[in-house]
Amino acid sequence: MSKWTDVRDSIVDVLNAKDVTEEVKQTVTQKIIDEVIPIVENAVDNFCAATKEQAKTETGWVKVRDGIVLPLVMEGVVYIVKTVLNKTATETA
């Protein structure tokens, strides 16, 4: 079974809880931090590297999109989500 399937199944198991307690929320948050974020970061890094490389041969607004806008948005979203989840996990621990 792939790593992604294992991650997905473990999160689904936790989300099937009848009572959503603070412990369940902490467990889900920690699983996302430990297992999902690294996979997403890797995918975003690969995507951004590819678009930045392609931007070298582009011109005009496409060059700006590929070299600056897409990488900035994708890396920014990952950074914000990771930071918020880490702060939340720290404060609720």
PDB file of N, CA and C in Angstrom:
ATOM      1  N   MET A   1       0.845  -1.168   0.000  1.00  0.00           N
ATOM      2  CA  MET A   1       0.000   0.000   0.000  1.00  0.00           C
ATOM      3  C   MET A   1       0.897   1.239   0.000  1.00  0.00           C
ATOM      4  N   SER A   2       0.466   2.273  -0.684  1.00  0.00           N
ATOM      5  CA  SER A   2       1.294   3.467  -0.773  1.00  0.00           C
ATOM      6  C   SER A   2       1.237   4.269   0.522  1.00  0.00           C
ATOM      7  N   LYS A   3       2.223   5.126   0.680  1.00  0.00           N
ATOM      8  CA  LYS A   3       2.281   5.993   1.863  1.00  0.00           C
ATOM      9  C   LYS A   3       1.035   6.866   1.933  1.00  0.00           C
ATOM     10  N   TRP A   4       0.610   7.409   0.783  1.00  0.00           N
ATOM     11  CA  TRP A   4      -0.569   8.270   0.761  1.00  0.00           C
ATOM     12  C   TRP A   4      -1.812   7.511   1.223  1.00  0.00           C
ATOM     13  N   THR A   5      -1.973   6.262   0.812  1.00  0.00           N
ATOM     14  CA  THR A   5      -3.131   5.463   1.223  1.00  0.00           C
ATOM     15  C   THR A   5      -3.110   5.229   2.722  1.00  0.00           C
ATOM     16  N   ASP A   6      -1.938   4.953   3.281  1.00  0.00           N
ATOM     17  CA  ASP A   6      -1.815   4.773   4.729  1.00  0.00           C
ATOM     18  C   ASP A   6      -2.203   6.039   5.479  1.00  0.00           C
ATOM     19  N   VAL A   7      -1.721   7.183   4.993  1.00  0.00           N
ATOM     20  CA  VAL A   7      -2.038   8.469   5.620  1.00  0.00           C
ATOM     21  C   VAL A   7      -3.528   8.726   5.545  1.00  0.00           C
ATOM     22  N   ARG A   8      -4.079   8.561   4.364  1.00  0.00           N
ATOM     23  CA  ARG A   8      -5.512   8.799   4.172  1.00  0.00           C
ATOM     24  C   ARG A   8      -6.341   7.908   5.086  1.00  0.00           C
ATOM     25  N   ASP A   9      -6.024   6.625   5.127  1.00  0.00           N
ATOM     26  CA  ASP A   9      -6.795   5.692   5.944  1.00  0.00           C
ATOM     27  C   ASP A   9      -6.691   6.015   7.433  1.00  0.00           C
ATOM     28  N   SER A  10      -5.514   6.427   7.890  1.00  0.00           N
ATOM     29  CA  SER A  10      -5.369   6.750   9.314  1.00  0.00           C
ATOM     30  C   SER A  10      -6.160   8.005   9.669  1.00  0.00           C
ATOM     31  N   ILE A  11      -6.206   8.974   8.778  1.00  0.00           N
ATOM     32  CA  ILE A  11      -6.994  10.179   9.036  1.00  0.00           C
ATOM     33  C   ILE A  11      -8.482   9.861   8.992  1.00  0.00           C
ATOM     34  N   VAL A  12      -8.908   9.055   8.045  1.00  0.00           N
ATOM     35  CA  VAL A  12     -10.317   8.663   7.956  1.00  0.00           C
ATOM     36  C   VAL A  12     -10.744   7.918   9.209  1.00  0.00           C
ATOM     37  N   ASP A  13      -9.875   7.040   9.728  1.00  0.00           N
ATOM     38  CA  ASP A  13     -10.196   6.310  10.957  1.00  0.00           C
ATOM     39  C   ASP A  13     -10.432   7.266  12.121  1.00  0.00           C
ATOM     40  N   VAL A  14      -9.588   8.268  12.236  1.00  0.00           N
ATOM     41  CA  VAL A  14      -9.736   9.240  13.322  1.00  0.00           C
ATOM     42  C   VAL A  14     -10.993  10.083  13.127  1.00  0.00           C
ATOM     43  N   LEU A  15     -11.285  10.458  11.894  1.00  0.00           N
ATOM     44  CA  LEU A  15     -12.450  11.308  11.615  1.00  0.00           C
ATOM     45  C   LEU A  15     -13.773  10.573  11.799  1.00  0.00           C
ATOM     46  N   ASN A  16     -13.754   9.264  11.849  1.00  0.00           N
ATOM     47  CA  ASN A  16     -14.985   8.497  12.050  1.00  0.00           C
ATOM     48  C   ASN A  16     -15.417   8.439  13.511  1.00  0.00           C
ATOM     49  N   ALA A  17     -14.771   9.188  14.369  1.00  0.00           N
ATOM     50  CA  ALA A  17     -15.128   9.204  15.794  1.00  0.00           C
ATOM     51  C   ALA A  17     -16.531   9.779  15.971  1.00  0.00           C
ATOM     52  N   LYS A  18     -17.278   9.205  16.892  1.00  0.00           N
ATOM     53  CA  LYS A  18     -18.645   9.678  17.171  1.00  0.00           C
ATOM     54  C   LYS A  18     -18.622  11.017  17.883  1.00  0.00           C
ATOM     55  N   ASP A  19     -17.725  11.155  18.851  1.00  0.00           N
ATOM     56  CA  ASP A  19     -17.579  12.405  19.584  1.00  0.00           C
ATOM     57  C   ASP A  19     -16.296  13.086  19.131  1.00  0.00           C
ATOM     58  N   VAL A  20     -16.426  14.307  18.657  1.00  0.00           N
ATOM     59  CA  VAL A  20     -15.244  15.055  18.246  1.00  0.00           C
ATOM     60  C   VAL A  20     -14.742  15.818  19.464  1.00  0.00           C
ATOM     61  N   THR A  21     -13.854  15.175  20.174  1.00  0.00           N
ATOM     62  CA  THR A  21     -13.291  15.756  21.387  1.00  0.00           C
ATOM     63  C   THR A  21     -12.023  16.532  21.046  1.00  0.00           C
ATOM     64  N   GLU A  22     -11.509  17.217  22.023  1.00  0.00           N
ATOM     65  CA  GLU A  22     -10.251  17.944  21.835  1.00  0.00           C
ATOM     66  C   GLU A  22      -9.129  16.969  21.480  1.00  0.00           C
ATOM     67  N   GLU A  23      -9.158  15.796  22.068  1.00  0.00           N
ATOM     68  CA  GLU A  23      -8.141  14.785  21.767  1.00  0.00           C
ATOM     69  C   GLU A  23      -8.190  14.374  20.295  1.00  0.00           C
ATOM     70  N   VAL A  24      -9.388  14.199  19.759  1.00  0.00           N
ATOM     71  CA  VAL A  24      -9.537  13.836  18.341  1.00  0.00           C
ATOM     72  C   VAL A  24      -8.996  14.951  17.459  1.00  0.00           C
ATOM     73  N   LYS A  25      -9.337  16.188  17.785  1.00  0.00           N
ATOM     74  CA  LYS A  25      -8.856  17.322  16.985  1.00  0.00           C
ATOM     75  C   LYS A  25      -7.335  17.422  17.043  1.00  0.00           C
ATOM     76  N   GLN A  26      -6.767  17.186  18.217  1.00  0.00           N
ATOM     77  CA  GLN A  26      -5.310  17.222  18.345  1.00  0.00           C
ATOM     78  C   GLN A  26      -4.654  16.102  17.541  1.00  0.00           C
ATOM     79  N   THR A  27      -5.261  14.929  17.574  1.00  0.00           N
ATOM     80  CA  THR A  27      -4.724  13.791  16.824  1.00  0.00           C
ATOM     81  C   THR A  27      -4.744  14.062  15.323  1.00  0.00           C
ATOM     82  N   VAL A  28      -5.862  14.585  14.833  1.00  0.00           N
ATOM     83  CA  VAL A  28      -5.974  14.901  13.401  1.00  0.00           C
ATOM     84  C   VAL A  28      -4.956  15.974  13.030  1.00  0.00           C
ATOM     85  N   THR A  29      -4.862  17.014  13.849  1.00  0.00           N
ATOM     86  CA  THR A  29      -3.898  18.089  13.583  1.00  0.00           C
ATOM     87  C   THR A  29      -2.487  17.540  13.520  1.00  0.00           C
ATOM     88  N   GLN A  30      -2.124  16.697  14.468  1.00  0.00           N
ATOM     89  CA  GLN A  30      -0.768  16.150  14.498  1.00  0.00           C
ATOM     90  C   GLN A  30      -0.503  15.240  13.303  1.00  0.00           C
ATOM     91  N   LYS A  31      -1.497  14.447  12.903  1.00  0.00           N
ATOM     92  CA  LYS A  31      -1.323  13.583  11.722  1.00  0.00           C
ATOM     93  C   LYS A  31      -1.109  14.421  10.465  1.00  0.00           C
ATOM     94  N   ILE A  32      -1.853  15.524  10.362  1.00  0.00           N
ATOM     95  CA  ILE A  32      -1.674  16.409   9.208  1.00  0.00           C
ATOM     96  C   ILE A  32      -0.259  16.989   9.216  1.00  0.00           C
ATOM     97  N   ILE A  33       0.186  17.452  10.388  1.00  0.00           N
ATOM     98  CA  ILE A  33       1.532  18.028  10.499  1.00  0.00           C
ATOM     99  C   ILE A  33       2.600  16.993  10.173  1.00  0.00           C
ATOM    100  N   ASP A  34       2.456  15.795  10.715  1.00  0.00           N
ATOM    101  CA  ASP A  34       3.501  14.773  10.573  1.00  0.00           C
ATOM    102  C   ASP A  34       3.488  14.053   9.235  1.00  0.00           C
ATOM    103  N   GLU A  35       2.302  13.837   8.670  1.00  0.00           N
ATOM    104  CA  GLU A  35       2.209  12.963   7.505  1.00  0.00           C
ATOM    105  C   GLU A  35       1.749  13.653   6.224  1.00  0.00           C
ATOM    106  N   VAL A  36       0.875  14.625   6.315  1.00  0.00           N
ATOM    107  CA  VAL A  36       0.336  15.248   5.105  1.00  0.00           C
ATOM    108  C   VAL A  36       1.202  16.417   4.645  1.00  0.00           C
ATOM    109  N   ILE A  37       1.573  17.289   5.571  1.00  0.00           N
ATOM    110  CA  ILE A  37       2.343  18.479   5.215  1.00  0.00           C
ATOM    111  C   ILE A  37       3.645  18.128   4.487  1.00  0.00           C
ATOM    112  N   PRO A  38       4.431  17.153   4.947  1.00  0.00           N
ATOM    113  CA  PRO A  38       5.658  16.829   4.201  1.00  0.00           C
ATOM    114  C   PRO A  38       5.391  16.388   2.752  1.00  0.00           C
ATOM    115  N   ILE A  39       4.321  15.645   2.530  1.00  0.00           N
ATOM    116  CA  ILE A  39       3.979  15.208   1.177  1.00  0.00           C
ATOM    117  C   ILE A  39       3.597  16.414   0.321  1.00  0.00           C
ATOM    118  N   VAL A  40       2.789  17.303   0.894  1.00  0.00           N
ATOM    119  CA  VAL A  40       2.364  18.504   0.169  1.00  0.00           C
ATOM    120  C   VAL A  40       3.561  19.409  -0.112  1.00  0.00           C
ATOM    121  N   GLU A  41       4.433  19.583   0.887  1.00  0.00           N
ATOM    122  CA  GLU A  41       5.631  20.414   0.687  1.00  0.00           C
ATOM    123  C   GLU A  41       6.500  19.879  -0.446  1.00  0.00           C
ATOM    124  N   ASN A  42       6.670  18.584  -0.493  1.00  0.00           N
ATOM    125  CA  ASN A  42       7.471  17.970  -1.550  1.00  0.00           C
ATOM    126  C   ASN A  42       6.836  18.214  -2.920  1.00  0.00           C
ATOM    127  N   ALA A  43       5.525  18.029  -3.014  1.00  0.00           N
ATOM    128  CA  ALA A  43       4.830  18.252  -4.281  1.00  0.00           C
ATOM    129  C   ALA A  43       4.917  19.711  -4.705  1.00  0.00           C
ATOM    130  N   VAL A  44       4.735  20.620  -3.758  1.00  0.00           N
ATOM    131  CA  VAL A  44       4.812  22.052  -4.066  1.00  0.00           C
ATOM    132  C   VAL A  44       6.233  22.430  -4.487  1.00  0.00           C
ATOM    133  N   ASP A  45       7.230  21.907  -3.801  1.00  0.00           N
ATOM    134  CA  ASP A  45       8.619  22.189  -4.180  1.00  0.00           C
ATOM    135  C   ASP A  45       8.913  21.739  -5.598  1.00  0.00           C
ATOM    136  N   ASN A  46       8.465  20.542  -5.954  1.00  0.00           N
ATOM    137  CA  ASN A  46       8.679  20.028  -7.309  1.00  0.00           C
ATOM    138  C   ASN A  46       7.941  20.872  -8.345  1.00  0.00           C
ATOM    139  N   PHE A  47       6.696  21.230  -8.045  1.00  0.00           N
ATOM    140  CA  PHE A  47       5.903  22.050  -8.963  1.00  0.00           C
ATOM    141  C   PHE A  47       6.557  23.416  -9.159  1.00  0.00           C
ATOM    142  N   CYS A  48       6.968  24.039  -8.063  1.00  0.00           N
ATOM    143  CA  CYS A  48       7.571  25.368  -8.149  1.00  0.00           C
ATOM    144  C   CYS A  48       8.907  25.331  -8.892  1.00  0.00           C
ATOM    145  N   ALA A  49       9.690  24.311  -8.662  1.00  0.00           N
ATOM    146  CA  ALA A  49      10.962  24.183  -9.385  1.00  0.00           C
ATOM    147  C   ALA A  49      10.717  24.053 -10.884  1.00  0.00           C
ATOM    148  N   ALA A  50       9.708  23.279 -11.250  1.00  0.00           N
ATOM    149  CA  ALA A  50       9.388  23.096 -12.668  1.00  0.00           C
ATOM    150  C   ALA A  50       8.889  24.395 -13.293  1.00  0.00           C
ATOM    151  N   THR A  51       8.004  25.113 -12.604  1.00  0.00           N
ATOM    152  CA  THR A  51       7.481  26.354 -13.186  1.00  0.00           C
ATOM    153  C   THR A  51       8.567  27.427 -13.263  1.00  0.00           C
ATOM    154  N   LYS A  52       9.440  27.491 -12.263  1.00  0.00           N
ATOM    155  CA  LYS A  52      10.535  28.469 -12.311  1.00  0.00           C
ATOM    156  C   LYS A  52      11.496  28.166 -13.466  1.00  0.00           C
ATOM    157  N   GLU A  53      11.744  26.889 -13.687  1.00  0.00           N
ATOM    158  CA  GLU A  53      12.604  26.491 -14.808  1.00  0.00           C
ATOM    159  C   GLU A  53      11.950  26.858 -16.144  1.00  0.00           C
ATOM    160  N   GLN A  54      10.654  26.607 -16.264  1.00  0.00           N
ATOM    161  CA  GLN A  54       9.935  26.941 -17.490  1.00  0.00           C
ATOM    162  C   GLN A  54       9.864  28.443 -17.697  1.00  0.00           C
ATOM    163  N   ALA A  55       9.833  29.203 -16.622  1.00  0.00           N
ATOM    164  CA  ALA A  55       9.741  30.662 -16.721  1.00  0.00           C
ATOM    165  C   ALA A  55      10.949  31.257 -17.443  1.00  0.00           C
ATOM    166  N   LYS A  56      12.068  30.559 -17.406  1.00  0.00           N
ATOM    167  CA  LYS A  56      13.280  31.052 -18.065  1.00  0.00           C
ATOM    168  C   LYS A  56      13.099  31.187 -19.567  1.00  0.00           C
ATOM    169  N   THR A  57      12.201  30.392 -20.146  1.00  0.00           N
ATOM    170  CA  THR A  57      11.993  30.440 -21.596  1.00  0.00           C
ATOM    171  C   THR A  57      10.704  31.170 -21.982  1.00  0.00           C
ATOM    172  N   GLU A  58       9.962  31.661 -20.999  1.00  0.00           N
ATOM    173  CA  GLU A  58       8.703  32.351 -21.266  1.00  0.00           C
ATOM    174  C   GLU A  58       8.942  33.857 -21.394  1.00  0.00           C
ATOM    175  N   THR A  59       7.907  34.555 -21.829  1.00  0.00           N
ATOM    176  CA  THR A  59       7.973  36.007 -21.919  1.00  0.00           C
ATOM    177  C   THR A  59       6.687  36.615 -21.380  1.00  0.00           C
ATOM    178  N   GLY A  60       6.759  37.887 -21.046  1.00  0.00           N
ATOM    179  CA  GLY A  60       5.573  38.631 -20.638  1.00  0.00           C
ATOM    180  C   GLY A  60       4.962  38.133 -19.342  1.00  0.00           C
ATOM    181  N   TRP A  61       3.614  38.181 -19.314  1.00  0.00           N
ATOM    182  CA  TRP A  61       2.874  37.811 -18.115  1.00  0.00           C
ATOM    183  C   TRP A  61       3.003  36.331 -17.767  1.00  0.00           C
ATOM    184  N   VAL A  62       3.231  35.506 -18.759  1.00  0.00           N
ATOM    185  CA  VAL A  62       3.410  34.074 -18.492  1.00  0.00           C
ATOM    186  C   VAL A  62       4.687  33.859 -17.686  1.00  0.00           C
ATOM    187  N   LYS A  63       5.735  34.627 -17.998  1.00  0.00           N
ATOM    188  CA  LYS A  63       6.988  34.541 -17.242  1.00  0.00           C
ATOM    189  C   LYS A  63       6.768  34.963 -15.784  1.00  0.00           C
ATOM    190  N   VAL A  64       5.998  36.031 -15.580  1.00  0.00           N
ATOM    191  CA  VAL A  64       5.689  36.497 -14.224  1.00  0.00           C
ATOM    192  C   VAL A  64       4.873  35.448 -13.480  1.00  0.00           C
ATOM    193  N   ARG A  65       3.877  34.883 -14.152  1.00  0.00           N
ATOM    194  CA  ARG A  65       3.043  33.848 -13.522  1.00  0.00           C
ATOM    195  C   ARG A  65       3.884  32.654 -13.105  1.00  0.00           C
ATOM    196  N   ASP A  66       4.691  32.140 -14.037  1.00  0.00           N
ATOM    197  CA  ASP A  66       5.461  30.923 -13.772  1.00  0.00           C
ATOM    198  C   ASP A  66       6.642  31.149 -12.831  1.00  0.00           C
ATOM    199  N   GLY A  67       7.263  32.303 -12.913  1.00  0.00           N
ATOM    200  CA  GLY A  67       8.457  32.559 -12.119  1.00  0.00           C
ATOM    201  C   GLY A  67       8.194  33.143 -10.749  1.00  0.00           C
ATOM    202  N   ILE A  68       7.059  33.854 -10.603  1.00  0.00           N
ATOM    203  CA  ILE A  68       6.812  34.553  -9.343  1.00  0.00           C
ATOM    204  C   ILE A  68       5.471  34.191  -8.716  1.00  0.00           C
ATOM    205  N   VAL A  69       4.386  34.382  -9.445  1.00  0.00           N
ATOM    206  CA  VAL A  69       3.049  34.297  -8.855  1.00  0.00           C
ATOM    207  C   VAL A  69       2.714  32.885  -8.370  1.00  0.00           C
ATOM    208  N   LEU A  70       2.790  31.895  -9.226  1.00  0.00           N
ATOM    209  CA  LEU A  70       2.439  30.533  -8.813  1.00  0.00           C
ATOM    210  C   LEU A  70       3.323  30.017  -7.673  1.00  0.00           C
ATOM    211  N   PRO A  71       4.656  30.157  -7.773  1.00  0.00           N
ATOM    212  CA  PRO A  71       5.480  29.699  -6.654  1.00  0.00           C
ATOM    213  C   PRO A  71       5.169  30.449  -5.352  1.00  0.00           C
ATOM    214  N   LEU A  72       4.980  31.761  -5.441  1.00  0.00           N
ATOM    215  CA  LEU A  72       4.695  32.553  -4.242  1.00  0.00           C
ATOM    216  C   LEU A  72       3.382  32.124  -3.592  1.00  0.00           C
ATOM    217  N   VAL A  73       2.352  31.945  -4.382  1.00  0.00           N
ATOM    218  CA  VAL A  73       1.051  31.542  -3.845  1.00  0.00           C
ATOM    219  C   VAL A  73       1.135  30.149  -3.224  1.00  0.00           C
ATOM    220  N   MET A  74       1.699  29.208  -3.942  1.00  0.00           N
ATOM    221  CA  MET A  74       1.737  27.827  -3.457  1.00  0.00           C
ATOM    222  C   MET A  74       2.609  27.693  -2.210  1.00  0.00           C
ATOM    223  N   GLU A  75       3.791  28.266  -2.248  1.00  0.00           N
ATOM    224  CA  GLU A  75       4.675  28.191  -1.083  1.00  0.00           C
ATOM    225  C   GLU A  75       4.099  28.983   0.100  1.00  0.00           C
ATOM    226  N   GLY A  76       3.442  30.095  -0.197  1.00  0.00           N
ATOM    227  CA  GLY A  76       2.824  30.904   0.846  1.00  0.00           C
ATOM    228  C   GLY A  76       1.697  30.177   1.552  1.00  0.00           C
ATOM    229  N   VAL A  77       0.852  29.512   0.793  1.00  0.00           N
ATOM    230  CA  VAL A  77      -0.266  28.769   1.384  1.00  0.00           C
ATOM    231  C   VAL A  77       0.259  27.641   2.277  1.00  0.00           C
ATOM    232  N   VAL A  78       1.239  26.915   1.800  1.00  0.00           N
ATOM    233  CA  VAL A  78       1.810  25.824   2.602  1.00  0.00           C
ATOM    234  C   VAL A  78       2.428  26.385   3.888  1.00  0.00           C
ATOM    235  N   TYR A  79       3.143  27.491   3.772  1.00  0.00           N
ATOM    236  CA  TYR A  79       3.773  28.102   4.945  1.00  0.00           C
ATOM    237  C   TYR A  79       2.720  28.529   5.972  1.00  0.00           C
ATOM    238  N   ILE A  80       1.667  29.193   5.511  1.00  0.00           N
ATOM    239  CA  ILE A  80       0.622  29.670   6.421  1.00  0.00           C
ATOM    240  C   ILE A  80      -0.071  28.498   7.110  1.00  0.00           C
ATOM    241  N   VAL A  81      -0.463  27.497   6.347  1.00  0.00           N
ATOM    242  CA  VAL A  81      -1.160  26.339   6.933  1.00  0.00           C
ATOM    243  C   VAL A  81      -0.260  25.626   7.934  1.00  0.00           C
ATOM    244  N   LYS A  82       0.986  25.427   7.578  1.00  0.00           N
ATOM    245  CA  LYS A  82       1.927  24.736   8.463  1.00  0.00           C
ATOM    246  C   LYS A  82       2.139  25.538   9.750  1.00  0.00           C
ATOM    247  N   THR A  83       2.301  26.847   9.627  1.00  0.00           N
ATOM    248  CA  THR A  83       2.516  27.699  10.791  1.00  0.00           C
ATOM    249  C   THR A  83       1.310  27.683  11.724  1.00  0.00           C
ATOM    250  N   VAL A  84       0.112  27.829  11.165  1.00  0.00           N
ATOM    251  CA  VAL A  84      -1.101  27.831  11.982  1.00  0.00           C
ATOM    252  C   VAL A  84      -1.283  26.491  12.688  1.00  0.00           C
ATOM    253  N   LEU A  85      -1.102  25.399  11.967  1.00  0.00           N
ATOM    254  CA  LEU A  85      -1.251  24.079  12.589  1.00  0.00           C
ATOM    255  C   LEU A  85      -0.220  23.850  13.688  1.00  0.00           C
ATOM    256  N   ASN A  86       1.017  24.248  13.458  1.00  0.00           N
ATOM    257  CA  ASN A  86       2.056  24.082  14.480  1.00  0.00           C
ATOM    258  C   ASN A  86       1.760  24.922  15.717  1.00  0.00           C
ATOM    259  N   LYS A  87       1.312  26.156  15.531  1.00  0.00           N
ATOM    260  CA  LYS A  87       0.973  27.008  16.680  1.00  0.00           C
ATOM    261  C   LYS A  87      -0.218  26.435  17.433  1.00  0.00           C
ATOM    262  N   THR A  88      -1.211  25.943  16.702  1.00  0.00           N
ATOM    263  CA  THR A  88      -2.376  25.350  17.330  1.00  0.00           C
ATOM    264  C   THR A  88      -1.987  24.101  18.127  1.00  0.00           C
ATOM    265  N   ALA A  89      -1.150  23.270  17.539  1.00  0.00           N
ATOM    266  CA  ALA A  89      -0.715  22.049  18.227  1.00  0.00           C
ATOM    267  C   ALA A  89       0.067  22.374  19.481  1.00  0.00           C
ATOM    268  N   THR A  90       0.897  23.403  19.428  1.00  0.00           N
ATOM    269  CA  THR A  90       1.695  23.798  20.579  1.00  0.00           C
ATOM    270  C   THR A  90       0.824  24.322  21.710  1.00  0.00           C
ATOM    271  N   GLU A  91      -0.161  25.135  21.362  1.00  0.00           N
ATOM    272  CA  GLU A  91      -1.004  25.751  22.389  1.00  0.00           C
ATOM    273  C   GLU A  91      -1.985  24.761  23.021  1.00  0.00           C
ATOM    274  N   THR A  92      -2.381  23.737  22.291  1.00  0.00           N
ATOM    275  CA  THR A  92      -3.361  22.788  22.831  1.00  0.00           C
ATOM    276  C   THR A  92      -2.720  21.569  23.474  1.00  0.00           C
ATOM    277  N   ALA A  93      -1.398  21.466  23.353  1.00  0.00           N
ATOM    278  CA  ALA A  93      -0.701  20.294  23.927  1.00  0.00           C
ATOM    279  C   ALA A  93      -0.646  20.380  25.437  1.00  0.00           C
TER     280      ALA A  93
END
